[in-house]
């Protein structure tokens, strides 16, 4: 590393040991709070320790957030947007430190660490404009001298459960929009990557404090699964936005649904790129390799499958083999490297187990995988990206492995390719590489990709914040970030105003009294 991590932690107000929760200016924990050491997958060294929130800490946080909502919702939306604008600017000032900490704590490349902070800045900018555009609709009434319209009101407390692979960006997708909508937020980051969350909480709170906004608008809980379960079952939290595995999402969705709450679920992906015989193979190669090895395959939008036309299958496979031979693996803070480590040793074990399962089912590896050994990889979290020739119906191919394993599948017709693309439980991101307009349009049609994201001549990962992000089927059906995703953070109300001197009823119903 060419930086001093202690200096970065100091500038971001992250100390050893960090408290279990923050409702704003207050950072605290119970005397019996458990302590967890946060270890970097880059070099296996401890970064800092955090205290784990208790049930009592949780209840304190929810009570404070509920009080804050009563005041925050009365602040005019453009004023809320101004505060979010300043938070975005504060993130700009801290971009370098935060980006390096994201990279060191999570293990993604430094460029991706900076990119994640940039996503927070971008969504803040988006939210500022949105704060003056929380539009409703007007409708014509069937009754004379009546006016109908709809408007949106804040929901209340928004619970945000984020995953380790995007330790801060996904929080911002939710929090920035929720804040301009008039909601308050309680954030439970991944217990694997809480330090960047603590840094972001300090940054946001400094801005709130400057504007005289007290406790409870931005809350942070450092917790494990128990805290997530408390949030999911709490009727005081009308919306839970949860990012993670399909297994986790089903549990959250069931708990929230049982109390008739709202859930926004961003879950697993099993994303494919169709490589047509009409594709620019050099361009397709860049999209495929970045999609497969970026963030060491730990994106929900990572490319898991390549569905390749039989006429270009062998030539494209050789291009992949050559490209994989050039991938540089090592310290992600060295910008010369393409790929860093997996998040921890458990992830390495899952990766190795998946390789063995693939071989057992008949997969043939064009590029062999495995764990990397040696002083350079002392943390034990570094692996080799691999490429396997498979059938789409293999059980391991139907499953999302959060690691750099790329599966190759051959096809003859576009209808077959689309069926293969859709033939998995997940439905997040998809792409086709083709120069043929008809193929592109078919892929994007109702008879094409069944995913929430469908791209032409770009890969499956790297979504922009301006579009709604999310997927179908086992991906959960949620939508975050751009477009009209803001509506999930609000409740819709239909209003009818009668400015006549009579009271006519709808549908022509007569109800007369003498």
Protein backbone atom coordinates (compact mmCIF):
# COMPACT_ATOMS: atom_id res chain seq x y z
CA UNK A 1 0.00 0.00 0.00
CA UNK A 2 1.18 3.50 -0.77
CA UNK A 3 -0.90 5.09 2.00
CA UNK A 4 -1.16 5.00 5.76
CA UNK A 5 -4.44 3.35 6.76
CA UNK A 6 -4.23 4.86 10.25
CA UNK A 7 -4.21 8.36 8.76
CA UNK A 8 -7.25 7.59 6.63
CA UNK A 9 -9.15 6.18 9.60
CA UNK A 10 -8.28 9.27 11.61
CA UNK A 11 -9.48 11.65 8.89
CA UNK A 12 -12.75 9.70 8.63
CA UNK A 13 -13.16 9.68 12.45
CA UNK A 14 -12.95 5.90 12.61
CA UNK A 15 -11.36 4.65 15.79
CA UNK A 16 -10.53 1.39 17.47
CA UNK A 17 -12.94 0.47 19.09
CA UNK A 18 -15.98 1.91 17.28
CA UNK A 19 -19.32 2.06 19.05
CA UNK A 20 -22.22 -0.17 18.10
CA UNK A 21 -24.71 2.43 16.91
CA UNK A 22 -25.20 6.07 16.03
CA UNK A 23 -28.39 8.08 15.82
CA UNK A 24 -26.50 11.15 14.71
CA UNK A 25 -24.18 12.98 17.04
CA UNK A 26 -24.59 10.21 19.61
CA UNK A 27 -22.36 7.13 19.32
CA UNK A 28 -22.90 4.50 21.98
CA UNK A 29 -23.27 0.85 22.89
CA UNK A 30 -24.20 -1.27 25.87
CA UNK A 31 -21.51 -2.31 28.37
CA UNK A 32 -21.88 -5.96 27.37
CA UNK A 33 -21.67 -5.38 23.61
CA UNK A 34 -19.64 -7.99 21.74
CA UNK A 35 -16.50 -6.80 19.95
CA UNK A 36 -15.61 -7.84 16.40
CA UNK A 37 -12.25 -7.32 14.69
CA UNK A 38 -12.47 -6.18 11.07
CA UNK A 39 -9.72 -7.80 9.01
CA UNK A 40 -8.72 -6.75 5.50
CA UNK A 41 -8.83 -9.49 2.86
CA UNK A 42 -5.99 -7.63 1.11
CA UNK A 43 -3.27 -8.54 3.63
CA UNK A 44 -5.08 -10.29 6.49
CA UNK A 45 -4.33 -7.47 8.92
CA UNK A 46 -6.77 -6.08 11.46
CA UNK A 47 -8.03 -2.62 10.49
CA UNK A 48 -10.08 -1.79 13.59
CA UNK A 49 -12.63 -3.30 15.95
CA UNK A 50 -16.32 -2.55 16.27
CA UNK A 51 -18.91 -3.21 18.92
CA UNK A 52 -22.01 -5.16 17.91
CA UNK A 53 -25.37 -3.56 18.65
CA UNK A 54 -27.71 -5.22 21.14
CA UNK A 55 -31.50 -5.39 21.10
CA UNK A 56 -31.57 -2.47 23.54
CA UNK A 57 -29.32 -0.44 21.21
CA UNK A 58 -31.68 -1.29 18.38
CA UNK A 59 -34.76 -0.07 20.25
CA UNK A 60 -33.02 3.16 21.23
CA UNK A 61 -32.24 3.76 17.58
CA UNK A 62 -35.77 3.10 16.33
CA UNK A 63 -37.29 5.33 19.02
CA UNK A 64 -34.96 8.19 18.10
CA UNK A 65 -35.63 7.75 14.38
CA UNK A 66 -39.39 7.81 14.97
CA UNK A 67 -39.08 11.12 16.86
CA UNK A 68 -36.89 12.61 14.14
CA UNK A 69 -39.36 11.69 11.40
CA UNK A 70 -42.07 13.89 12.92
CA UNK A 71 -39.85 16.94 12.36
CA UNK A 72 -37.92 15.93 9.23
CA UNK A 73 -41.06 15.33 7.17
CA UNK A 74 -42.09 18.97 7.71
CA UNK A 75 -38.91 20.33 6.13
CA UNK A 76 -39.76 21.36 2.53
CA UNK A 77 -38.48 18.83 0.01
CA UNK A 78 -36.19 21.34 -1.80
CA UNK A 79 -34.62 22.19 1.58
CA UNK A 80 -34.05 18.50 2.20
CA UNK A 81 -32.50 18.36 -1.24
CA UNK A 82 -30.11 21.18 -0.35
CA UNK A 83 -28.87 19.18 2.63
CA UNK A 84 -28.37 16.12 0.43
CA UNK A 85 -26.47 18.30 -2.06
CA UNK A 86 -24.07 19.29 0.70
CA UNK A 87 -23.67 15.66 1.74
CA UNK A 88 -22.71 14.89 -1.87
CA UNK A 89 -20.13 17.66 -1.80
CA UNK A 90 -18.74 16.36 1.51
CA UNK A 91 -18.37 12.95 -0.13
CA UNK A 92 -16.49 14.62 -2.99
CA UNK A 93 -14.05 16.06 -0.47
CA UNK A 94 -13.53 12.62 1.10
CA UNK A 95 -13.57 10.60 -2.15
CA UNK A 96 -9.92 9.58 -2.08
CA UNK A 97 -9.92 8.46 1.55
CA UNK A 98 -13.24 6.67 1.28
CA UNK A 99 -12.31 5.01 -2.01
CA UNK A 100 -9.10 3.64 -0.53
CA UNK A 101 -10.89 2.39 2.55
CA UNK A 102 -13.55 0.66 0.41
CA UNK A 103 -10.77 -1.06 -1.51
CA UNK A 104 -8.81 -2.07 1.59
CA UNK A 105 -11.77 -3.17 3.70
CA UNK A 106 -13.66 -5.03 0.96
CA UNK A 107 -10.89 -6.03 -1.47
CA UNK A 108 -12.14 -4.53 -4.73
CA UNK A 109 -9.73 -2.69 -7.01
CA UNK A 110 -8.87 0.91 -6.15
CA UNK A 111 -10.54 2.15 -9.34
CA UNK A 112 -13.72 0.34 -8.31
CA UNK A 113 -13.40 1.78 -4.80
CA UNK A 114 -13.26 5.29 -6.21
CA UNK A 115 -16.12 4.36 -8.55
CA UNK A 116 -18.28 3.30 -5.64
CA UNK A 117 -17.80 6.63 -3.89
CA UNK A 118 -18.57 8.35 -7.19
CA UNK A 119 -21.88 6.48 -7.26
CA UNK A 120 -22.75 8.05 -3.91
CA UNK A 121 -21.91 11.49 -5.29
CA UNK A 122 -23.95 10.85 -8.44
CA UNK A 123 -27.04 9.65 -6.58
CA UNK A 124 -26.83 12.70 -4.31
CA UNK A 125 -26.90 14.90 -7.42
CA UNK A 126 -29.86 12.91 -8.76
CA UNK A 127 -31.70 13.26 -5.45
CA UNK A 128 -31.20 17.04 -5.40
CA UNK A 129 -33.06 17.39 -8.70
CA UNK A 130 -35.67 14.92 -7.54
CA UNK A 131 -36.40 17.04 -4.46
CA UNK A 132 -38.22 19.50 -6.77
CA UNK A 133 -39.93 16.78 -8.82
CA UNK A 134 -41.91 14.58 -6.44
CA UNK A 135 -44.79 14.71 -8.88
CA UNK A 136 -48.34 13.43 -8.54
CA UNK A 137 -51.08 13.34 -11.18
CA UNK A 138 -54.40 15.10 -11.69
CA UNK A 139 -57.44 13.28 -13.08
CA UNK A 140 -60.80 14.42 -14.43
CA UNK A 141 -63.68 13.52 -12.14
CA UNK A 142 -66.95 12.09 -13.45
CA UNK A 143 -68.75 14.37 -10.97
CA UNK A 144 -69.25 18.04 -11.77
CA UNK A 145 -67.25 20.62 -9.85
CA UNK A 146 -64.92 18.01 -8.40
CA UNK A 147 -61.17 17.81 -8.71
CA UNK A 148 -59.14 14.63 -8.30
CA UNK A 149 -55.42 14.29 -7.87
CA UNK A 150 -52.84 12.10 -6.21
CA UNK A 151 -49.89 13.06 -4.07
CA UNK A 152 -47.06 11.30 -2.29
CA UNK A 153 -46.22 11.52 1.41
CA UNK A 154 -43.18 10.23 3.32
CA UNK A 155 -43.40 6.66 4.62
CA UNK A 156 -41.49 7.09 7.89
CA UNK A 157 -38.48 4.99 8.85
CA UNK A 158 -36.65 3.22 6.04
CA UNK A 159 -34.54 0.26 7.12
CA UNK A 160 -31.51 -0.38 4.90
CA UNK A 161 -29.66 -3.71 5.00
CA UNK A 162 -26.63 -3.61 2.70
CA UNK A 163 -24.12 -6.24 1.56
CA UNK A 164 -20.33 -6.37 1.73
CA UNK A 165 -19.67 -6.17 -2.01
CA UNK A 166 -20.94 -2.59 -2.31
CA UNK A 167 -20.39 -1.45 1.27
CA UNK A 168 -21.56 2.15 0.78
CA UNK A 169 -23.04 2.74 -2.69
CA UNK A 170 -26.25 0.77 -2.17
CA UNK A 171 -26.87 2.58 1.12
CA UNK A 172 -26.67 5.87 -0.73
CA UNK A 173 -29.09 4.71 -3.44
CA UNK A 174 -31.64 4.30 -0.68
CA UNK A 175 -30.72 6.99 1.83
CA UNK A 176 -30.34 9.95 -0.56
CA UNK A 177 -33.74 9.28 -2.14
CA UNK A 178 -35.42 8.48 1.18
CA UNK A 179 -34.13 11.70 2.72
CA UNK A 180 -35.45 13.97 -0.04
CA UNK A 181 -38.75 12.07 0.17
CA UNK A 182 -38.96 13.05 3.85
CA UNK A 183 -38.07 9.69 5.39
CA UNK A 184 -35.47 8.91 8.02
CA UNK A 185 -33.08 5.97 7.69
CA UNK A 186 -31.66 3.19 9.82
CA UNK A 187 -28.71 1.48 8.14
CA UNK A 188 -27.36 -1.94 9.02
CA UNK A 189 -24.23 -2.44 6.89
CA UNK A 190 -22.65 -5.83 6.39
CA UNK A 191 -20.85 -6.99 9.51
CA UNK A 192 -17.94 -7.77 7.16
CA UNK A 193 -17.49 -4.15 6.03
CA UNK A 194 -18.76 -1.73 8.70
CA UNK A 195 -15.86 0.75 8.73
CA UNK A 196 -16.72 2.55 5.51
CA UNK A 197 -20.28 2.82 6.85
CA UNK A 198 -19.00 4.50 10.00
CA UNK A 199 -17.04 6.94 7.84
CA UNK A 200 -20.14 7.78 5.79
CA UNK A 201 -22.24 8.26 8.92
CA UNK A 202 -19.74 10.81 10.24
CA UNK A 203 -19.71 12.65 6.90
CA UNK A 204 -23.51 12.83 6.65
CA UNK A 205 -23.97 13.79 10.27
CA UNK A 206 -21.58 16.72 10.06
CA UNK A 207 -23.83 18.18 7.35
CA UNK A 208 -27.04 17.52 9.30
CA UNK A 209 -25.52 19.12 12.39
CA UNK A 210 -24.50 22.20 10.41
CA UNK A 211 -28.15 22.68 9.43
CA UNK A 212 -29.43 22.18 12.96
CA UNK A 213 -30.87 18.75 12.21
CA UNK A 214 -30.60 16.66 15.34
CA UNK A 215 -30.59 12.98 16.13
CA UNK A 216 -32.39 10.30 14.20
CA UNK A 217 -32.53 11.30 10.52
CA UNK A 218 -29.44 9.23 9.72
CA UNK A 219 -28.92 6.21 11.98
CA UNK A 220 -26.34 3.43 11.86
CA UNK A 221 -26.42 0.03 13.56
CA UNK A 222 -23.36 -2.22 13.52
CA UNK A 223 -24.98 -5.59 13.84
CA UNK A 224 -25.22 -9.18 12.73
CA UNK A 225 -28.14 -11.25 11.51
CA UNK A 226 -30.05 -10.67 14.78
CA UNK A 227 -30.32 -6.95 14.06
CA UNK A 228 -31.55 -7.65 10.55
CA UNK A 229 -34.25 -9.93 11.93
CA UNK A 230 -35.35 -7.27 14.41
CA UNK A 231 -35.66 -4.77 11.57
CA UNK A 232 -37.61 -7.15 9.33
CA UNK A 233 -40.15 -7.92 12.04
CA UNK A 234 -40.58 -4.37 13.36
CA UNK A 235 -43.93 -2.76 12.51
CA UNK A 236 -42.40 0.65 13.24
CA UNK A 237 -40.34 0.34 10.04
CA UNK A 238 -42.73 0.48 7.06
CA UNK A 239 -40.06 -0.26 4.43
CA UNK A 240 -37.09 -2.62 4.51
CA UNK A 241 -34.63 -2.36 1.64
CA UNK A 242 -32.40 -5.44 1.72
CA UNK A 243 -29.50 -6.36 -0.55
CA UNK A 244 -27.92 -9.79 -0.40
CA UNK A 245 -28.47 -13.45 -1.21
CA UNK A 246 -31.76 -14.89 -2.39
CA UNK A 247 -31.87 -17.00 0.78
CA UNK A 248 -31.58 -13.89 2.94
CA UNK A 249 -34.11 -12.00 0.82
CA UNK A 250 -36.73 -14.72 1.10
CA UNK A 251 -36.44 -14.61 4.88
CA UNK A 252 -36.69 -10.82 4.96
CA UNK A 253 -39.55 -10.76 2.48
CA UNK A 254 -41.52 -13.35 4.46
CA UNK A 255 -41.05 -11.49 7.74
CA UNK A 256 -41.96 -8.09 6.29
CA UNK A 257 -44.87 -9.54 4.32
CA UNK A 258 -46.29 -11.21 7.41
CA UNK A 259 -46.75 -7.79 8.99
CA UNK A 260 -47.96 -6.27 5.67
CA UNK A 261 -44.92 -4.03 5.43
CA UNK A 262 -43.12 -3.09 2.24
CA UNK A 263 -39.86 -4.66 1.12
CA UNK A 264 -37.42 -3.67 -1.60
CA UNK A 265 -35.29 -6.73 -2.36
CA UNK A 266 -32.11 -6.74 -4.46
CA UNK A 267 -30.93 -10.34 -4.43
CA UNK A 268 -28.89 -12.82 -6.45
CA UNK A 269 -27.97 -12.70 -10.10
CA UNK A 270 -26.91 -15.36 -12.60
CA UNK A 271 -26.17 -13.06 -15.45
CA UNK A 272 -25.44 -14.08 -19.03
CA UNK A 273 -24.06 -12.44 -22.15
CA UNK A 274 -25.16 -13.88 -25.47
CA UNK A 275 -22.28 -13.71 -27.98
CA UNK A 276 -23.86 -13.71 -31.44
CA UNK A 277 -22.10 -14.72 -34.63
CA UNK A 278 -22.73 -11.08 -35.58
CA UNK A 279 -20.86 -9.70 -32.57
CA UNK A 280 -17.71 -7.62 -32.54
CA UNK A 281 -15.71 -10.28 -30.72
CA UNK A 282 -12.98 -7.93 -29.49
CA UNK A 283 -15.56 -5.64 -27.89
CA UNK A 284 -17.44 -8.62 -26.50
CA UNK A 285 -14.22 -9.89 -24.94
CA UNK A 286 -13.75 -6.71 -22.88
CA UNK A 287 -17.32 -6.82 -21.59
CA UNK A 288 -17.13 -10.51 -20.75
CA UNK A 289 -13.78 -10.42 -18.94
CA UNK A 290 -14.53 -7.31 -16.90
CA UNK A 291 -17.97 -8.65 -16.05
CA UNK A 292 -16.51 -11.93 -14.85
CA UNK A 293 -13.43 -10.80 -12.91
CA UNK A 294 -14.39 -7.28 -11.80
CA UNK A 295 -14.73 -7.17 -7.99
CA UNK A 296 -13.40 -10.77 -8.16
CA UNK A 297 -16.81 -11.92 -9.38
CA UNK A 298 -18.52 -10.54 -6.26
CA UNK A 299 -21.06 -8.29 -7.94
CA UNK A 300 -24.71 -9.25 -8.15
CA UNK A 301 -24.36 -8.18 -11.80
CA UNK A 302 -21.16 -10.17 -12.42
CA UNK A 303 -21.14 -12.15 -15.65
CA UNK A 304 -21.60 -15.82 -14.72
CA UNK A 305 -22.44 -17.31 -18.12
CA UNK A 306 -21.43 -16.75 -21.75
CA UNK A 307 -23.88 -18.18 -24.26
CA UNK A 308 -21.84 -18.32 -27.47
CA UNK A 309 -22.96 -19.09 -31.03
CA UNK A 310 -21.47 -22.36 -32.25
CA UNK A 311 -19.84 -20.70 -35.27
CA UNK A 312 -17.66 -18.42 -33.09
CA UNK A 313 -17.47 -20.60 -29.98
CA UNK A 314 -13.97 -21.97 -30.47
CA UNK A 315 -12.42 -18.68 -31.60
CA UNK A 316 -14.00 -16.75 -28.74
CA UNK A 317 -12.98 -19.38 -26.21
CA UNK A 318 -9.38 -18.98 -27.37
CA UNK A 319 -9.64 -15.21 -26.99
CA UNK A 320 -10.85 -15.75 -23.42
CA UNK A 321 -7.99 -18.13 -22.63
CA UNK A 322 -5.48 -15.57 -23.93
CA UNK A 323 -7.13 -12.73 -22.01
CA UNK A 324 -7.26 -14.67 -18.74
CA UNK A 325 -3.57 -15.32 -19.10
CA UNK A 326 -3.02 -11.54 -18.87
CA UNK A 327 -5.09 -10.91 -15.72
CA UNK A 328 -2.95 -9.53 -12.92
CA UNK A 329 -4.07 -10.61 -9.45
CA UNK A 330 -2.83 -9.01 -6.26
CA UNK A 331 -3.11 -6.02 -3.98
CA UNK A 332 -6.22 -4.17 -5.24
CA UNK A 333 -4.73 -0.86 -4.16
CA UNK A 334 -2.06 -1.32 -6.84
CA UNK A 335 -3.79 0.08 -9.91
CA UNK A 336 -1.75 -2.20 -12.16
CA UNK A 337 -3.74 -5.19 -10.89
CA UNK A 338 -7.04 -6.24 -12.41
CA UNK A 339 -8.38 -8.35 -9.55
CA UNK A 340 -8.05 -8.46 -5.79
CA UNK A 341 -9.12 -11.02 -3.19
CA UNK A 342 -12.41 -12.59 -2.23
CA UNK A 343 -13.96 -11.13 0.91
CA UNK A 344 -12.86 -13.89 3.32
CA UNK A 345 -11.84 -17.52 3.69
CA UNK A 346 -15.45 -18.70 3.71
CA UNK A 347 -15.86 -17.21 0.24
CA UNK A 348 -12.72 -19.02 -0.91
CA UNK A 349 -14.13 -22.33 0.35
CA UNK A 350 -17.40 -21.77 -1.51
CA UNK A 351 -15.43 -20.99 -4.66
CA UNK A 352 -13.34 -24.17 -4.39
CA UNK A 353 -16.41 -26.27 -3.60
CA UNK A 354 -18.17 -24.88 -6.67
CA UNK A 355 -15.24 -25.85 -8.90
CA UNK A 356 -15.38 -29.42 -7.59
CA UNK A 357 -19.15 -29.59 -8.08
CA UNK A 358 -18.74 -28.33 -11.63
CA UNK A 359 -16.17 -31.03 -12.39
CA UNK A 360 -18.39 -33.69 -10.82
CA UNK A 361 -21.28 -32.68 -13.10
CA UNK A 362 -19.06 -32.89 -16.18
CA UNK A 363 -17.67 -29.38 -16.57
CA UNK A 364 -14.39 -29.06 -18.51
CA UNK A 365 -12.12 -26.20 -17.52
CA UNK A 366 -10.63 -24.14 -20.32
CA UNK A 367 -8.90 -22.01 -17.65
CA UNK A 368 -8.16 -23.78 -14.37
CA UNK A 369 -8.98 -22.15 -11.07
CA UNK A 370 -7.62 -22.59 -7.60
CA UNK A 371 -6.38 -20.79 -4.52
CA UNK A 372 -3.23 -18.68 -4.82
CA UNK A 373 -0.44 -19.30 -2.33
CA UNK A 374 2.66 -17.39 -1.31
CA UNK A 375 3.68 -14.28 0.59
CA UNK A 376 1.95 -12.01 -1.92
CA UNK A 377 -1.34 -13.75 -1.11
CA UNK A 378 -0.79 -14.15 2.63
CA UNK A 379 -4.36 -13.28 3.60
CA UNK A 380 -5.49 -16.56 2.04
CA UNK A 381 -8.30 -14.85 0.13
CA UNK A 382 -6.80 -14.73 -3.38
CA UNK A 383 -7.99 -17.10 -6.11
CA UNK A 384 -7.52 -17.57 -9.84
CA UNK A 385 -10.44 -16.70 -12.12
CA UNK A 386 -11.48 -19.71 -14.13
CA UNK A 387 -13.51 -20.65 -17.21
CA UNK A 388 -15.54 -23.86 -17.55
CA UNK A 389 -17.42 -25.42 -20.47
CA UNK A 390 -20.78 -26.62 -19.15
CA UNK A 391 -24.44 -27.29 -19.83
CA UNK A 392 -26.95 -24.73 -18.60
CA UNK A 393 -28.90 -27.34 -16.63
CA UNK A 394 -26.02 -28.26 -14.33
CA UNK A 395 -27.11 -27.66 -10.72
CA UNK A 396 -23.98 -25.56 -10.04
CA UNK A 397 -24.70 -23.40 -13.10
CA UNK A 398 -28.25 -22.76 -11.87
CA UNK A 399 -26.78 -21.55 -8.58
CA UNK A 400 -25.09 -18.17 -8.07
CA UNK A 401 -21.48 -18.60 -6.91
CA UNK A 402 -20.13 -15.27 -5.67
CA UNK A 403 -16.67 -15.77 -7.18
CA UNK A 404 -14.84 -15.44 -10.53
CA UNK A 405 -16.14 -18.61 -12.23
CA UNK A 406 -17.29 -18.10 -15.82
CA UNK A 407 -19.37 -20.76 -17.58
CA UNK A 408 -19.36 -21.24 -21.37
CA UNK A 409 -22.47 -22.59 -23.13
CA UNK A 410 -22.93 -23.19 -26.87
CA UNK A 411 -26.05 -22.30 -28.87
CA UNK A 412 -27.37 -22.64 -32.45
CA UNK A 413 -30.33 -20.24 -32.77
CA UNK A 414 -31.19 -16.97 -31.04
CA UNK A 415 -34.42 -18.46 -29.69
CA UNK A 416 -32.34 -21.18 -28.05
CA UNK A 417 -29.88 -18.60 -26.67
CA UNK A 418 -32.67 -16.52 -25.11
CA UNK A 419 -34.21 -19.65 -23.58
CA UNK A 420 -30.82 -20.53 -22.07
CA UNK A 421 -30.37 -16.98 -20.80
CA UNK A 422 -33.79 -17.09 -19.14
CA UNK A 423 -33.41 -20.68 -17.96
CA UNK A 424 -32.14 -19.94 -14.44
CA UNK A 425 -34.03 -18.94 -11.26
CA UNK A 426 -32.46 -15.47 -11.11
CA UNK A 427 -33.37 -12.50 -13.32
CA UNK A 428 -31.13 -9.51 -12.68
CA UNK A 429 -28.90 -8.51 -15.60
CA UNK A 430 -28.40 -9.73 -19.16
CA UNK A 431 -26.75 -8.66 -22.40
CA UNK A 432 -26.34 -9.53 -26.05
CA UNK A 433 -23.35 -8.73 -28.20
CA UNK A 434 -24.48 -8.32 -31.80
CA UNK A 435 -24.31 -6.01 -34.78
CA UNK A 436 -27.64 -7.31 -36.04
CA UNK A 437 -30.55 -4.94 -35.33
CA UNK A 438 -33.16 -7.70 -35.48
CA UNK A 439 -31.30 -9.78 -32.90
CA UNK A 440 -30.96 -6.78 -30.62
CA UNK A 441 -34.64 -5.90 -30.84
CA UNK A 442 -35.74 -9.50 -30.29
CA UNK A 443 -33.56 -9.70 -27.19
CA UNK A 444 -35.19 -6.54 -25.80
CA UNK A 445 -38.75 -7.54 -26.73
CA UNK A 446 -41.42 -9.24 -24.60
CA UNK A 447 -40.12 -12.52 -26.06
CA UNK A 448 -36.55 -11.73 -25.10
CA UNK A 449 -34.65 -11.37 -21.84
CA UNK A 450 -36.73 -11.80 -18.68
CA UNK A 451 -34.28 -9.77 -16.56
CA UNK A 452 -34.75 -6.38 -14.98
CA UNK A 453 -31.69 -5.16 -16.90
CA UNK A 454 -31.13 -6.02 -20.57
CA UNK A 455 -28.22 -4.50 -22.51
CA UNK A 456 -27.01 -4.50 -26.09
CA UNK A 457 -23.27 -4.35 -26.82
CA UNK A 458 -22.29 -3.67 -23.23
CA UNK A 459 -21.76 -6.16 -20.42
CA UNK A 460 -23.97 -7.14 -17.51
CA UNK A 461 -22.27 -5.01 -14.85
CA UNK A 462 -21.69 -1.29 -14.45
CA UNK A 463 -25.22 0.13 -14.28
CA UNK A 464 -25.67 3.92 -14.18
CA UNK A 465 -27.64 5.54 -11.38
CA UNK A 466 -30.10 7.25 -13.76
CA UNK A 467 -31.95 4.01 -14.52
CA UNK A 468 -33.94 1.92 -12.08
CA UNK A 469 -31.78 -0.95 -10.84
CA UNK A 470 -33.20 -4.37 -10.00
CA UNK A 471 -34.38 -7.69 -11.29
CA UNK A 472 -37.12 -10.29 -11.47
CA UNK A 473 -37.73 -13.85 -10.23
CA UNK A 474 -35.30 -14.86 -7.46
CA UNK A 475 -33.65 -11.45 -7.72
CA UNK A 476 -36.58 -10.10 -5.73
CA UNK A 477 -38.37 -7.64 -8.00
CA UNK A 478 -37.12 -4.47 -6.30
CA UNK A 479 -36.01 -1.27 -8.03
CA UNK A 480 -33.51 1.21 -6.60
CA UNK A 481 -31.63 4.30 -7.74
CA UNK A 482 -32.96 6.22 -10.76
CA UNK A 483 -36.10 6.64 -12.85
CA UNK A 484 -39.20 6.57 -10.61
CA UNK A 485 -37.70 4.27 -7.97
CA UNK A 486 -38.31 7.12 -5.48
CA UNK A 487 -41.99 6.14 -5.28
CA UNK A 488 -41.24 3.08 -3.15
CA UNK A 489 -40.05 5.41 -0.36
CA UNK A 490 -43.41 7.19 -0.24
CA UNK A 491 -47.08 6.40 0.25
CA UNK A 492 -49.52 7.35 -2.48
CA UNK A 493 -52.70 9.23 -1.60
CA UNK A 494 -55.66 9.93 -3.88
CA UNK A 495 -57.54 13.15 -3.12
CA UNK A 496 -60.96 14.34 -4.28
CA UNK A 497 -62.18 17.90 -3.65
CA UNK A 498 -65.81 18.88 -4.06
CA UNK A 499 -66.21 22.61 -4.64
CA UNK A 500 -69.92 22.45 -5.55
CA UNK A 501 -72.90 23.06 -3.26
CA UNK A 502 -74.21 19.50 -3.64
CA UNK A 503 -72.84 16.06 -2.89
CA UNK A 504 -73.20 13.87 -5.99
CA UNK A 505 -72.03 10.27 -5.60
CA UNK A 506 -69.80 8.35 -7.95
CA UNK A 507 -71.23 5.88 -10.48
CA UNK A 508 -74.46 7.89 -10.49
CA UNK A 509 -75.66 6.38 -7.20
CA UNK A 510 -78.61 8.18 -5.61
CA UNK A 511 -78.85 8.50 -1.83
CA UNK A 512 -81.53 11.00 -0.96
CA UNK A 513 -82.78 12.02 2.46
CA UNK A 514 -85.98 13.90 3.18
